[in-house]
Each structure stands twice: as C-alpha cells, then as structure tokens.
Amino acid sequence: MILVTGGAGFIGSNILAALEERGAGKLVACDRLRSNDKWRNIAKRELADLVHPEQLFDFLEANRKHMEVIFHMGAISSTTETDADKIAANNFSLSLALWKWCAMNNVRFIYASSAATYGDGKQGFDDDWSMEHLAKLRPLNAYGWSKQLFDRRVARKISVGSRRPPQWAGLKFFNVYGPNEYHKGNQQSVVSQVHPHAESNGPFQLFRSHHPDYKDGGQLRDFIWIGDCVNVMMWLLDNPQVNGIFNVGTGKARSFLDLASAVYRSLGKEPQIKFRDTPIEIRDKYQYFTEANMARLRQAGYDKPFTSLEEGVAKYVHDFLAAPDPYR
C-alpha cells in the first residue's frame, strides 16, 4: 500500500497517476477536497481509500502492516499565506509526526521541500543538507521557512543517529508546471494562465521587475515539467538505497517572458504580453532568480534528461490545456 498526502493536489495527483500506470498496487490519497473542482484531479484514479487529514494517523495505525511508502506532498503551499501558526502546524508539525511514524514502523518516506528555502539566492542553490549549510539559508516567506525548518530537523536527526525511515528523501521542487494545477488560483503556473481559453481576456500580464538587475519579464526561474518531478520520485521508489535532500529542477534558469512566449508560440501565435506592478506586499519576498544545482541528484544515480521549457510547454498546452479534458 502506498499513501500520498496532498493526493488530490497538483504534484500528489500526478504521483498517483504514475503509480497507477506502473501497477503499484493499493493507492491511498489523503487530502481535503472542499467545494471546488479539486476532486477532478483524482477522478480517473482507482483508489483503495480516500482519507481526510484529520483521520490520517488512525488510518495509518489501522494499516501499519500494509503500508510500504508515504509520499508526503500535503502542505500549505501558498507563498502569500500569512497565518504562520497554520503553516507551521501543517508544514512542520505534521511532517515531523509522519517522519516519526515512518521511522517507528519501517515505512519509506519521500517528502516535498521547496526551492523557497533558498530565499533570495545569495547563498546559492546547492542542496547541501549539512546542518551548517542549511543554517545559512534565509527564506523570504513563512512557507519557505516552514519547509526549511523541517529540512533542518531532518538533518539534525540524521546527524545524531536518531531512528529514521528505511528510505527518506526530501525534494526541493523549483517552479513546477503541468496538468492538475488548476485549483491553485493565482498560485498556478504562468503556463496555465496563458492557455488558449484565456486569450479572450486580452494580452497576458506579467509582473514588472522592481530590481535593477532584471528587466520587466526578465526575472529568472528554474521551470520544471511535472513529468520530470514524477520521474525523479518513481526513480527513488525503484532505488530504496538512495537517501538525502535533493534539488528537483532542470538546472537552467529561464525568464518569465520566455515561458509566456513559449505558450503563444506553441499555438503558432505571436506573444501578447503586458506588464503590471508586482503587489507591494510581496515585492520584498520575491525570488528574482532560481537555478537548481543538480549535481547531487546526478551523483546519486539519476540519469534521465530533463524536459526543455519549449517541449514541456508545448506538451502541456496541446495534450492538456487545449484538450476537452485537461486533467491527467
């Protein structure tokens, strides 16, 4: 049995799809569906169970002999969320409780960290998970801080030889795009906001740059296709001897202008882009540049190539956003 927390979310639902495709056995999603169309992310899956987060540990206790792996993707992922108590409870305390449960019950544990832990990037984007290196990072928002806090706790536990899951891996996801992100509102990728059905709204608007080193639309991020993220996790599933905290990006930063332009050009159209001011409340918390150092994952043995921005955008637009059914 494999459980995916945040299983109806963006990354979690894509993990479930990949697990089902490879015939991985009984699959369980833990999530809150609420009243929007988030349920559609898992509508095509055959699930052994669907667990509400408040019932998670009761479910785990009842199924401890059958549980093999937990993919912990559940989190408050909004970088604009201001309730730090809520963020800490969901992103740190719950993660820590799951780590302890997996360690005590010999269950493999693969969890989502984030590139938001790197803050403004002045310390670089090296996924060195030594306690000394992690202590230098300065996230710009409460979400990034909560992920950093858990990474540091994991590093401490490993360094002092505390009991740990038989396999553990933390994944610092960079800017992920792909199907099943539609419920995320203004936190979904630029690609899904520039899809064909949005053209009636006029030219797409990108944030202006409020940094002297970057032109409007020239802010640089490491954009990664969801399929590549899932491939990394399936590789970890197949290689239980691999442990650590790893970056999951392409290793190549591209601009938001490149990203938006790729969408229009995948449709054979010229880009229609205007710029608007970045909201004041996030200007001082904005990452103008991210680029994953992928050496550590490569050294661990992951050798698949990463999808180029143009290829990933074209696949997303044609296979999903422009299709009658955009869900995976």
C-alpha atoms as a PDB file:
ATOM      1  CA  MET A   1       0.000   0.000   0.000  1.00  0.00           C
ATOM      2  CA  ILE A   2       1.258   3.465  -0.932  1.00  0.00           C
ATOM      3  CA  LEU A   3      -0.155   6.643   0.593  1.00  0.00           C
ATOM      4  CA  VAL A   4       0.126  10.108  -0.945  1.00  0.00           C
ATOM      5  CA  THR A   5      -0.664  13.074   1.290  1.00  0.00           C
ATOM      6  CA  GLY A   6      -1.920  16.034  -0.702  1.00  0.00           C
ATOM      7  CA  GLY A   7      -3.017  13.296  -3.088  1.00  0.00           C
ATOM      8  CA  ALA A   8      -5.695  15.411  -4.774  1.00  0.00           C
ATOM      9  CA  GLY A   9      -3.299  18.319  -5.195  1.00  0.00           C
ATOM     10  CA  PHE A  10      -1.080  19.193  -8.125  1.00  0.00           C
ATOM     11  CA  ILE A  11       2.030  17.087  -7.554  1.00  0.00           C
ATOM     12  CA  GLY A  12       0.245  14.462  -5.459  1.00  0.00           C
ATOM     13  CA  SER A  13      -2.352  13.636  -8.110  1.00  0.00           C
ATOM     14  CA  ASN A  14       0.355  13.273 -10.746  1.00  0.00           C
ATOM     15  CA  ILE A  15       2.197  10.860  -8.460  1.00  0.00           C
ATOM     16  CA  LEU A  16      -0.957   8.770  -8.098  1.00  0.00           C
ATOM     17  CA  ALA A  17      -1.392   8.708 -11.884  1.00  0.00           C
ATOM     18  CA  ALA A  18       2.181   7.465 -12.358  1.00  0.00           C
ATOM     19  CA  LEU A  19       1.825   4.842  -9.634  1.00  0.00           C
ATOM     20  CA  GLU A  20      -1.385   3.565 -11.187  1.00  0.00           C
ATOM     21  CA  GLU A  21       0.246   3.398 -14.615  1.00  0.00           C
ATOM     22  CA  ARG A  22       3.008   1.181 -13.268  1.00  0.00           C
ATOM     23  CA  GLY A  23       0.585  -1.075 -11.356  1.00  0.00           C
ATOM     24  CA  ALA A  24       1.987  -0.165  -7.955  1.00  0.00           C
ATOM     25  CA  GLY A  25      -0.832  -1.823  -6.001  1.00  0.00           C
ATOM     26  CA  LYS A  26      -3.231  -0.278  -3.494  1.00  0.00           C
ATOM     27  CA  LEU A  27      -3.133   3.527  -3.615  1.00  0.00           C
ATOM     28  CA  VAL A  28      -4.466   5.838  -0.933  1.00  0.00           C
ATOM     29  CA  ALA A  29      -4.921   9.613  -1.157  1.00  0.00           C
ATOM     30  CA  CYS A  30      -5.054  11.834   1.906  1.00  0.00           C
ATOM     31  CA  ASP A  31      -6.431  15.308   1.254  1.00  0.00           C
ATOM     32  CA  ARG A  32      -9.215  17.843   1.673  1.00  0.00           C
ATOM     33  CA  LEU A  33     -11.357  18.197  -1.460  1.00  0.00           C
ATOM     34  CA  ARG A  34     -13.514  21.122  -0.344  1.00  0.00           C
ATOM     35  CA  SER A  35     -16.039  22.621  -2.776  1.00  0.00           C
ATOM     36  CA  ASN A  36     -14.044  23.458  -5.905  1.00  0.00           C
ATOM     37  CA  ASP A  37     -13.059  21.131  -8.767  1.00  0.00           C
ATOM     38  CA  LYS A  38     -10.009  19.719  -6.999  1.00  0.00           C
ATOM     39  CA  TRP A  39     -11.720  16.305  -6.949  1.00  0.00           C
ATOM     40  CA  ARG A  40     -11.268  16.142 -10.716  1.00  0.00           C
ATOM     41  CA  ASN A  41      -7.520  15.719 -10.195  1.00  0.00           C
ATOM     42  CA  ILE A  42      -8.161  12.184  -8.918  1.00  0.00           C
ATOM     43  CA  ALA A  43     -11.399  11.410 -10.765  1.00  0.00           C
ATOM     44  CA  LYS A  44      -9.628   8.947 -13.109  1.00  0.00           C
ATOM     45  CA  ARG A  45      -7.782   7.063 -10.375  1.00  0.00           C
ATOM     46  CA  GLU A  46      -8.744   3.777  -8.749  1.00  0.00           C
ATOM     47  CA  LEU A  47      -8.099   4.372  -5.061  1.00  0.00           C
ATOM     48  CA  ALA A  48      -8.112   1.874  -2.238  1.00  0.00           C
ATOM     49  CA  ASP A  49      -9.171   4.679   0.107  1.00  0.00           C
ATOM     50  CA  LEU A  50      -9.550   8.442   0.416  1.00  0.00           C
ATOM     51  CA  VAL A  51      -8.569   9.712   3.851  1.00  0.00           C
ATOM     52  CA  HIS A  52      -9.352  13.062   5.436  1.00  0.00           C
ATOM     53  CA  PRO A  53      -6.224  14.593   7.060  1.00  0.00           C
ATOM     54  CA  GLU A  54      -7.834  14.563  10.497  1.00  0.00           C
ATOM     55  CA  GLN A  55      -8.182  10.772  10.214  1.00  0.00           C
ATOM     56  CA  LEU A  56      -4.693  10.173   8.834  1.00  0.00           C
ATOM     57  CA  PHE A  57      -2.970   8.674  11.863  1.00  0.00           C
ATOM     58  CA  ASP A  58      -5.954   6.490  12.727  1.00  0.00           C
ATOM     59  CA  PHE A  59      -5.787   5.153   9.182  1.00  0.00           C
ATOM     60  CA  LEU A  60      -2.024   4.595   9.407  1.00  0.00           C
ATOM     61  CA  GLU A  61      -2.342   2.713  12.679  1.00  0.00           C
ATOM     62  CA  ALA A  62      -5.058   0.504  11.227  1.00  0.00           C
ATOM     63  CA  ASN A  63      -2.928  -0.262   8.158  1.00  0.00           C
ATOM     64  CA  ARG A  64       0.588  -0.236   9.573  1.00  0.00           C
ATOM     65  CA  LYS A  65       1.332  -3.803   8.415  1.00  0.00           C
ATOM     66  CA  HIS A  66       0.419  -2.972   4.823  1.00  0.00           C
ATOM     67  CA  MET A  67       1.994   0.470   4.406  1.00  0.00           C
ATOM     68  CA  GLU A  68       5.129   0.499   2.234  1.00  0.00           C
ATOM     69  CA  VAL A  69       5.768   4.106   1.234  1.00  0.00           C
ATOM     70  CA  ILE A  70       4.407   7.538   2.090  1.00  0.00           C
ATOM     71  CA  PHE A  71       4.802  10.343  -0.433  1.00  0.00           C
ATOM     72  CA  HIS A  72       4.235  13.400   1.734  1.00  0.00           C
ATOM     73  CA  MET A  73       3.181  16.200  -0.620  1.00  0.00           C
ATOM     74  CA  GLY A  74       0.481  17.713   1.578  1.00  0.00           C
ATOM     75  CA  ALA A  75       1.218  21.268   2.704  1.00  0.00           C
ATOM     76  CA  ILE A  76       0.016  24.820   2.732  1.00  0.00           C
ATOM     77  CA  SER A  77       1.962  25.827  -0.355  1.00  0.00           C
ATOM     78  CA  SER A  78       0.788  29.397  -0.872  1.00  0.00           C
ATOM     79  CA  THR A  79       3.704  31.809  -0.648  1.00  0.00           C
ATOM     80  CA  THR A  80       1.243  34.578   0.265  1.00  0.00           C
ATOM     81  CA  GLU A  81      -0.343  32.803   3.244  1.00  0.00           C
ATOM     82  CA  THR A  82       0.192  34.954   6.345  1.00  0.00           C
ATOM     83  CA  ASP A  83      -1.092  32.667   9.127  1.00  0.00           C
ATOM     84  CA  ALA A  84       2.254  31.340  10.354  1.00  0.00           C
ATOM     85  CA  ASP A  85       0.644  29.164  13.047  1.00  0.00           C
ATOM     86  CA  LYS A  86      -1.424  27.396  10.395  1.00  0.00           C
ATOM     87  CA  ILE A  87       1.622  26.992   8.145  1.00  0.00           C
ATOM     88  CA  ALA A  88       3.810  25.621  10.950  1.00  0.00           C
ATOM     89  CA  ALA A  89       1.161  23.111  12.041  1.00  0.00           C
ATOM     90  CA  ASN A  90       0.651  21.770   8.516  1.00  0.00           C
ATOM     91  CA  ASN A  91       4.133  22.007   7.049  1.00  0.00           C
ATOM     92  CA  PHE A  92       6.333  21.302  10.062  1.00  0.00           C
ATOM     93  CA  SER A  93       4.496  19.569  12.906  1.00  0.00           C
ATOM     94  CA  LEU A  94       2.559  17.168  10.669  1.00  0.00           C
ATOM     95  CA  SER A  95       5.685  16.369   8.655  1.00  0.00           C
ATOM     96  CA  LEU A  96       7.604  15.637  11.838  1.00  0.00           C
ATOM     97  CA  ALA A  97       4.839  13.358  13.131  1.00  0.00           C
ATOM     98  CA  LEU A  98       4.824  11.435   9.836  1.00  0.00           C
ATOM     99  CA  TRP A  99       8.618  11.104   9.904  1.00  0.00           C
ATOM    100  CA  LYS A 100       8.436   9.626  13.408  1.00  0.00           C
ATOM    101  CA  TRP A 101       5.623   7.252  12.419  1.00  0.00           C
ATOM    102  CA  CYS A 102       7.544   6.022   9.372  1.00  0.00           C
ATOM    103  CA  ALA A 103      10.716   5.567  11.421  1.00  0.00           C
ATOM    104  CA  MET A 104       8.886   3.537  14.072  1.00  0.00           C
ATOM    105  CA  ASN A 105       7.012   1.424  11.514  1.00  0.00           C
ATOM    106  CA  ASN A 106       9.764   0.872   8.935  1.00  0.00           C
ATOM    107  CA  VAL A 107       7.941   2.737   6.162  1.00  0.00           C
ATOM    108  CA  ARG A 108       9.753   4.650   3.415  1.00  0.00           C
ATOM    109  CA  PHE A 109       9.222   8.432   3.447  1.00  0.00           C
ATOM    110  CA  ILE A 110       9.584  10.810   0.488  1.00  0.00           C
ATOM    111  CA  TYR A 111       8.568  14.391   1.192  1.00  0.00           C
ATOM    112  CA  ALA A 112       8.251  17.753  -0.548  1.00  0.00           C
ATOM    113  CA  SER A 113      10.615  20.514   0.432  1.00  0.00           C
ATOM    114  CA  SER A 114      10.878  23.626  -1.748  1.00  0.00           C
ATOM    115  CA  ALA A 115      13.203  25.974  -3.599  1.00  0.00           C
ATOM    116  CA  ALA A 116      11.569  28.680  -1.466  1.00  0.00           C
ATOM    117  CA  THR A 117      14.012  27.600   1.251  1.00  0.00           C
ATOM    118  CA  TYR A 118      16.804  29.341  -0.691  1.00  0.00           C
ATOM    119  CA  GLY A 119      15.352  32.804  -0.214  1.00  0.00           C
ATOM    120  CA  ASP A 120      16.976  35.456  -2.401  1.00  0.00           C
ATOM    121  CA  GLY A 121      19.660  33.013  -3.535  1.00  0.00           C
ATOM    122  CA  LYS A 122      22.620  34.846  -2.017  1.00  0.00           C
ATOM    123  CA  GLN A 123      23.754  31.540  -0.504  1.00  0.00           C
ATOM    124  CA  GLY A 124      23.387  29.791  -3.858  1.00  0.00           C
ATOM    125  CA  PHE A 125      21.154  26.873  -4.802  1.00  0.00           C
ATOM    126  CA  ASP A 126      23.264  23.948  -3.655  1.00  0.00           C
ATOM    127  CA  ASP A 127      21.255  21.161  -1.985  1.00  0.00           C
ATOM    128  CA  ASP A 128      23.938  20.572   0.627  1.00  0.00           C
ATOM    129  CA  TRP A 129      21.865  19.310   3.566  1.00  0.00           C
ATOM    130  CA  SER A 130      24.534  19.600   6.228  1.00  0.00           C
ATOM    131  CA  MET A 131      23.293  21.399   9.326  1.00  0.00           C
ATOM    132  CA  GLU A 132      25.869  24.136   8.799  1.00  0.00           C
ATOM    133  CA  HIS A 133      24.775  24.887   5.247  1.00  0.00           C
ATOM    134  CA  LEU A 134      21.039  24.761   5.973  1.00  0.00           C
ATOM    135  CA  ALA A 135      21.519  27.210   8.845  1.00  0.00           C
ATOM    136  CA  LYS A 136      22.780  29.841   6.378  1.00  0.00           C
ATOM    137  CA  LEU A 137      19.632  29.881   4.236  1.00  0.00           C
ATOM    138  CA  ARG A 138      17.150  32.715   4.728  1.00  0.00           C
ATOM    139  CA  PRO A 139      13.679  32.020   3.234  1.00  0.00           C
ATOM    140  CA  LEU A 140      11.652  35.092   2.296  1.00  0.00           C
ATOM    141  CA  ASN A 141       8.214  33.935   3.480  1.00  0.00           C
ATOM    142  CA  ALA A 142       6.563  31.725   6.080  1.00  0.00           C
ATOM    143  CA  TYR A 143       6.025  28.901   3.586  1.00  0.00           C
ATOM    144  CA  GLY A 144       9.727  28.731   2.740  1.00  0.00           C
ATOM    145  CA  TRP A 145      10.622  28.992   6.422  1.00  0.00           C
ATOM    146  CA  SER A 146       8.362  26.055   7.359  1.00  0.00           C
ATOM    147  CA  LYS A 147       9.995  23.843   4.722  1.00  0.00           C
ATOM    148  CA  GLN A 148      13.439  24.966   5.848  1.00  0.00           C
ATOM    149  CA  LEU A 149      12.542  24.233   9.468  1.00  0.00           C
ATOM    150  CA  PHE A 150      11.651  20.632   8.636  1.00  0.00           C
ATOM    151  CA  ASP A 151      14.750  20.136   6.467  1.00  0.00           C
ATOM    152  CA  ARG A 152      16.886  21.301   9.372  1.00  0.00           C
ATOM    153  CA  ARG A 153      15.107  18.970  11.784  1.00  0.00           C
ATOM    154  CA  VAL A 154      15.683  16.030   9.440  1.00  0.00           C
ATOM    155  CA  ALA A 155      19.363  16.936   9.064  1.00  0.00           C
ATOM    156  CA  ARG A 156      19.705  17.090  12.849  1.00  0.00           C
ATOM    157  CA  LYS A 157      18.070  13.695  13.313  1.00  0.00           C
ATOM    158  CA  ILE A 158      20.347  12.101  10.725  1.00  0.00           C
ATOM    159  CA  SER A 159      23.469  13.726  12.171  1.00  0.00           C
ATOM    160  CA  VAL A 160      22.839  12.431  15.695  1.00  0.00           C
ATOM    161  CA  GLY A 161      21.844   8.957  14.537  1.00  0.00           C
ATOM    162  CA  SER A 162      18.186   9.076  15.516  1.00  0.00           C
ATOM    163  CA  ARG A 163      15.917   6.351  14.251  1.00  0.00           C
ATOM    164  CA  ARG A 164      14.870   7.108  10.696  1.00  0.00           C
ATOM    165  CA  PRO A 165      12.681   5.634   7.960  1.00  0.00           C
ATOM    166  CA  PRO A 166      14.356   2.855   5.922  1.00  0.00           C
ATOM    167  CA  GLN A 167      14.447   5.290   2.998  1.00  0.00           C
ATOM    168  CA  TRP A 168      13.995   9.031   3.266  1.00  0.00           C
ATOM    169  CA  ALA A 169      14.257  11.798   0.684  1.00  0.00           C
ATOM    170  CA  GLY A 170      13.360  15.468   0.745  1.00  0.00           C
ATOM    171  CA  LEU A 171      12.778  17.112  -2.632  1.00  0.00           C
ATOM    172  CA  LYS A 172      13.341  20.820  -3.172  1.00  0.00           C
ATOM    173  CA  PHE A 173      10.918  21.419  -6.021  1.00  0.00           C
ATOM    174  CA  PHE A 174      11.573  24.501  -8.130  1.00  0.00           C
ATOM    175  CA  ASN A 175       8.877  26.122 -10.354  1.00  0.00           C
ATOM    176  CA  VAL A 176       6.737  23.153 -11.370  1.00  0.00           C
ATOM    177  CA  TYR A 177       4.127  23.391 -14.143  1.00  0.00           C
ATOM    178  CA  GLY A 178       1.756  20.861 -15.670  1.00  0.00           C
ATOM    179  CA  PRO A 179      -1.763  19.362 -15.543  1.00  0.00           C
ATOM    180  CA  ASN A 180      -3.918  19.320 -12.398  1.00  0.00           C
ATOM    181  CA  GLU A 181      -2.746  22.661 -11.022  1.00  0.00           C
ATOM    182  CA  TYR A 182      -5.975  24.465 -11.956  1.00  0.00           C
ATOM    183  CA  HIS A 183      -7.368  24.609  -8.409  1.00  0.00           C
ATOM    184  CA  LYS A 184      -4.386  26.673  -7.205  1.00  0.00           C
ATOM    185  CA  GLY A 185      -5.785  30.046  -8.280  1.00  0.00           C
ATOM    186  CA  ASN A 186      -3.108  32.723  -8.607  1.00  0.00           C
ATOM    187  CA  GLN A 187      -0.517  30.215  -7.372  1.00  0.00           C
ATOM    188  CA  GLN A 188      -0.756  28.140 -10.555  1.00  0.00           C
ATOM    189  CA  SER A 189       1.930  28.465 -13.181  1.00  0.00           C
ATOM    190  CA  VAL A 190       2.106  31.171 -15.825  1.00  0.00           C
ATOM    191  CA  VAL A 191       1.532  28.475 -18.464  1.00  0.00           C
ATOM    192  CA  SER A 192      -1.958  27.623 -17.258  1.00  0.00           C
ATOM    193  CA  GLN A 193      -2.831  31.317 -17.150  1.00  0.00           C
ATOM    194  CA  VAL A 194      -1.802  31.909 -20.774  1.00  0.00           C
ATOM    195  CA  HIS A 195      -3.621  28.883 -22.206  1.00  0.00           C
ATOM    196  CA  PRO A 196      -5.885  29.256 -25.279  1.00  0.00           C
ATOM    197  CA  HIS A 197      -9.088  29.724 -23.285  1.00  0.00           C
ATOM    198  CA  ALA A 198      -7.576  32.736 -21.534  1.00  0.00           C
ATOM    199  CA  GLU A 199      -6.878  34.647 -24.746  1.00  0.00           C
ATOM    200  CA  SER A 200     -10.292  36.307 -24.657  1.00  0.00           C
ATOM    201  CA  ASN A 201      -9.058  38.181 -21.611  1.00  0.00           C
ATOM    202  CA  GLY A 202      -6.559  40.062 -23.781  1.00  0.00           C
ATOM    203  CA  PRO A 203      -2.754  40.118 -23.590  1.00  0.00           C
ATOM    204  CA  PHE A 204      -1.280  38.182 -20.708  1.00  0.00           C
ATOM    205  CA  GLN A 205       0.109  40.247 -17.866  1.00  0.00           C
ATOM    206  CA  LEU A 206       3.480  39.536 -16.259  1.00  0.00           C
ATOM    207  CA  PHE A 207       4.864  41.225 -13.177  1.00  0.00           C
ATOM    208  CA  ARG A 208       7.146  44.185 -13.710  1.00  0.00           C
ATOM    209  CA  SER A 209      10.614  43.914 -12.306  1.00  0.00           C
ATOM    210  CA  HIS A 210      11.352  46.010  -9.238  1.00  0.00           C
ATOM    211  CA  HIS A 211      15.015  45.004  -9.239  1.00  0.00           C
ATOM    212  CA  PRO A 212      17.698  46.959 -11.120  1.00  0.00           C
ATOM    213  CA  ASP A 213      19.374  43.790 -12.438  1.00  0.00           C
ATOM    214  CA  TYR A 214      16.270  42.432 -14.194  1.00  0.00           C
ATOM    215  CA  LYS A 215      14.149  43.877 -16.982  1.00  0.00           C
ATOM    216  CA  ASP A 216      10.362  43.502 -16.958  1.00  0.00           C
ATOM    217  CA  GLY A 217       9.625  39.822 -17.548  1.00  0.00           C
ATOM    218  CA  GLY A 218      13.311  39.069 -17.207  1.00  0.00           C
ATOM    219  CA  GLN A 219      13.027  37.570 -13.734  1.00  0.00           C
ATOM    220  CA  LEU A 220      14.639  34.128 -13.952  1.00  0.00           C
ATOM    221  CA  ARG A 221      13.306  30.877 -12.530  1.00  0.00           C
ATOM    222  CA  ASP A 222      14.072  27.190 -12.952  1.00  0.00           C
ATOM    223  CA  PHE A 223      10.821  25.959 -14.526  1.00  0.00           C
ATOM    224  CA  ILE A 224      10.347  22.182 -14.447  1.00  0.00           C
ATOM    225  CA  TRP A 225       7.758  19.993 -16.165  1.00  0.00           C
ATOM    226  CA  ILE A 226       5.686  17.929 -13.702  1.00  0.00           C
ATOM    227  CA  GLY A 227       6.550  14.747 -15.576  1.00  0.00           C
ATOM    228  CA  ASP A 228      10.215  15.215 -14.687  1.00  0.00           C
ATOM    229  CA  CYS A 229       9.354  15.647 -10.990  1.00  0.00           C
ATOM    230  CA  VAL A 230       7.317  12.450 -11.073  1.00  0.00           C
ATOM    231  CA  ASN A 231      10.137  10.609 -12.853  1.00  0.00           C
ATOM    232  CA  VAL A 232      12.505  11.549 -10.040  1.00  0.00           C
ATOM    233  CA  MET A 233      10.073  10.180  -7.450  1.00  0.00           C
ATOM    234  CA  MET A 234       9.499   6.958  -9.364  1.00  0.00           C
ATOM    235  CA  TRP A 235      13.286   6.567  -9.572  1.00  0.00           C
ATOM    236  CA  LEU A 236      13.511   6.980  -5.804  1.00  0.00           C
ATOM    237  CA  LEU A 237      10.800   4.355  -5.437  1.00  0.00           C
ATOM    238  CA  ASP A 238      12.925   1.983  -7.533  1.00  0.00           C
ATOM    239  CA  ASN A 239      16.109   2.831  -5.624  1.00  0.00           C
ATOM    240  CA  PRO A 240      15.379   2.467  -1.902  1.00  0.00           C
ATOM    241  CA  GLN A 241      19.067   2.805  -1.043  1.00  0.00           C
ATOM    242  CA  VAL A 242      19.060   6.500  -2.021  1.00  0.00           C
ATOM    243  CA  ASN A 243      18.596   8.943   0.851  1.00  0.00           C
ATOM    244  CA  GLY A 244      19.056  12.704   1.193  1.00  0.00           C
ATOM    245  CA  ILE A 245      17.695  16.125   0.337  1.00  0.00           C
ATOM    246  CA  PHE A 246      17.802  16.842  -3.393  1.00  0.00           C
ATOM    247  CA  ASN A 247      17.008  19.718  -5.727  1.00  0.00           C
ATOM    248  CA  VAL A 248      14.378  18.939  -8.359  1.00  0.00           C
ATOM    249  CA  GLY A 249      14.782  21.456 -11.158  1.00  0.00           C
ATOM    250  CA  THR A 250      16.294  21.447 -14.633  1.00  0.00           C
ATOM    251  CA  GLY A 251      19.499  23.250 -13.718  1.00  0.00           C
ATOM    252  CA  LYS A 252      18.753  26.006 -16.231  1.00  0.00           C
ATOM    253  CA  ALA A 253      17.026  29.273 -15.360  1.00  0.00           C
ATOM    254  CA  ARG A 254      14.676  30.844 -17.914  1.00  0.00           C
ATOM    255  CA  SER A 255      12.750  34.105 -17.857  1.00  0.00           C
ATOM    256  CA  PHE A 256       9.015  34.529 -17.344  1.00  0.00           C
ATOM    257  CA  LEU A 257       8.986  36.216 -20.741  1.00  0.00           C
ATOM    258  CA  ASP A 258      10.469  33.028 -22.247  1.00  0.00           C
ATOM    259  CA  LEU A 259       7.777  30.980 -20.547  1.00  0.00           C
ATOM    260  CA  ALA A 260       4.835  33.102 -21.656  1.00  0.00           C
ATOM    261  CA  SER A 261       6.234  33.424 -25.175  1.00  0.00           C
ATOM    262  CA  ALA A 262       6.635  29.652 -25.434  1.00  0.00           C
ATOM    263  CA  VAL A 263       2.914  29.224 -24.772  1.00  0.00           C
ATOM    264  CA  TYR A 264       1.868  31.529 -27.583  1.00  0.00           C
ATOM    265  CA  ARG A 265       4.429  30.103 -29.999  1.00  0.00           C
ATOM    266  CA  SER A 266       3.285  26.547 -29.251  1.00  0.00           C
ATOM    267  CA  LEU A 267      -0.041  27.742 -30.699  1.00  0.00           C
ATOM    268  CA  GLY A 268       1.581  29.375 -33.712  1.00  0.00           C
ATOM    269  CA  LYS A 269       0.817  32.853 -32.385  1.00  0.00           C
ATOM    270  CA  GLU A 270       2.893  35.901 -31.616  1.00  0.00           C
ATOM    271  CA  PRO A 271       3.196  36.669 -27.891  1.00  0.00           C
ATOM    272  CA  GLN A 272       0.755  39.226 -26.479  1.00  0.00           C
ATOM    273  CA  ILE A 273       2.214  40.355 -23.193  1.00  0.00           C
ATOM    274  CA  LYS A 274       1.787  43.398 -20.989  1.00  0.00           C
ATOM    275  CA  PHE A 275       3.289  44.152 -17.600  1.00  0.00           C
ATOM    276  CA  ARG A 276       1.752  45.086 -14.273  1.00  0.00           C
ATOM    277  CA  ASP A 277       3.242  46.052 -10.940  1.00  0.00           C
ATOM    278  CA  THR A 278       4.152  43.315  -8.508  1.00  0.00           C
ATOM    279  CA  PRO A 279       1.871  43.662  -5.453  1.00  0.00           C
ATOM    280  CA  ILE A 280       3.590  45.720  -2.765  1.00  0.00           C
ATOM    281  CA  GLU A 281       3.019  43.045  -0.109  1.00  0.00           C
ATOM    282  CA  ILE A 282       5.243  40.511  -1.922  1.00  0.00           C
ATOM    283  CA  ARG A 283       7.888  42.737  -3.517  1.00  0.00           C
ATOM    284  CA  ASP A 284      10.391  42.230  -0.729  1.00  0.00           C
ATOM    285  CA  LYS A 285       9.667  38.477  -0.640  1.00  0.00           C
ATOM    286  CA  TYR A 286      10.158  37.835  -4.340  1.00  0.00           C
ATOM    287  CA  GLN A 287      12.729  35.446  -5.797  1.00  0.00           C
ATOM    288  CA  TYR A 288      14.167  37.145  -8.872  1.00  0.00           C
ATOM    289  CA  PHE A 289      16.433  34.220  -9.698  1.00  0.00           C
ATOM    290  CA  THR A 290      16.427  30.484  -9.011  1.00  0.00           C
ATOM    291  CA  GLU A 291      18.519  27.782 -10.665  1.00  0.00           C
ATOM    292  CA  ALA A 292      18.897  24.315  -9.215  1.00  0.00           C
ATOM    293  CA  ASN A 293      22.318  22.764  -8.810  1.00  0.00           C
ATOM    294  CA  MET A 294      21.511  19.233  -9.971  1.00  0.00           C
ATOM    295  CA  ALA A 295      24.905  17.647  -9.290  1.00  0.00           C
ATOM    296  CA  ARG A 296      23.852  15.846  -6.104  1.00  0.00           C
ATOM    297  CA  LEU A 297      20.895  14.044  -7.737  1.00  0.00           C
ATOM    298  CA  ARG A 298      23.084  13.106 -10.713  1.00  0.00           C
ATOM    299  CA  GLN A 299      25.776  11.768  -8.401  1.00  0.00           C
ATOM    300  CA  ALA A 300      23.130   9.680  -6.654  1.00  0.00           C
ATOM    301  CA  GLY A 301      22.472   7.970  -9.991  1.00  0.00           C
ATOM    302  CA  TYR A 302      19.545   9.778 -11.619  1.00  0.00           C
ATOM    303  CA  ASP A 303      20.455   9.998 -15.310  1.00  0.00           C
ATOM    304  CA  LYS A 304      17.273  10.901 -17.199  1.00  0.00           C
ATOM    305  CA  PRO A 305      17.365  14.159 -19.188  1.00  0.00           C
ATOM    306  CA  PHE A 306      15.060  16.991 -18.154  1.00  0.00           C
ATOM    307  CA  THR A 307      12.393  18.334 -20.495  1.00  0.00           C
ATOM    308  CA  SER A 308      13.212  21.646 -22.174  1.00  0.00           C
ATOM    309  CA  LEU A 309      10.958  24.611 -21.471  1.00  0.00           C
ATOM    310  CA  GLU A 310       9.658  24.711 -25.044  1.00  0.00           C
ATOM    311  CA  GLU A 311       8.958  20.968 -25.136  1.00  0.00           C
ATOM    312  CA  GLY A 312       7.254  20.937 -21.753  1.00  0.00           C
ATOM    313  CA  VAL A 313       5.088  23.957 -22.537  1.00  0.00           C
ATOM    314  CA  ALA A 314       4.011  22.505 -25.892  1.00  0.00           C
ATOM    315  CA  LYS A 315       3.099  19.190 -24.249  1.00  0.00           C
ATOM    316  CA  TYR A 316       1.109  20.971 -21.533  1.00  0.00           C
ATOM    317  CA  VAL A 317      -0.768  23.203 -23.971  1.00  0.00           C
ATOM    318  CA  HIS A 318      -1.592  20.607 -26.621  1.00  0.00           C
ATOM    319  CA  ASP A 319      -2.103  17.479 -24.515  1.00  0.00           C
ATOM    320  CA  PHE A 320      -3.956  19.124 -21.638  1.00  0.00           C
ATOM    321  CA  LEU A 321      -4.894  22.825 -21.706  1.00  0.00           C
ATOM    322  CA  ALA A 322      -6.265  22.765 -25.256  1.00  0.00           C
ATOM    323  CA  ALA A 323      -7.884  19.346 -24.818  1.00  0.00           C
ATOM    324  CA  PRO A 324     -11.577  18.826 -23.939  1.00  0.00           C
ATOM    325  CA  ASP A 325     -10.443  17.179 -20.692  1.00  0.00           C
ATOM    326  CA  PRO A 326      -7.368  18.955 -19.283  1.00  0.00           C
ATOM    327  CA  TYR A 327      -6.906  16.591 -16.315  1.00  0.00           C
ATOM    328  CA  ARG A 328      -4.378  13.812 -16.110  1.00  0.00           C
END
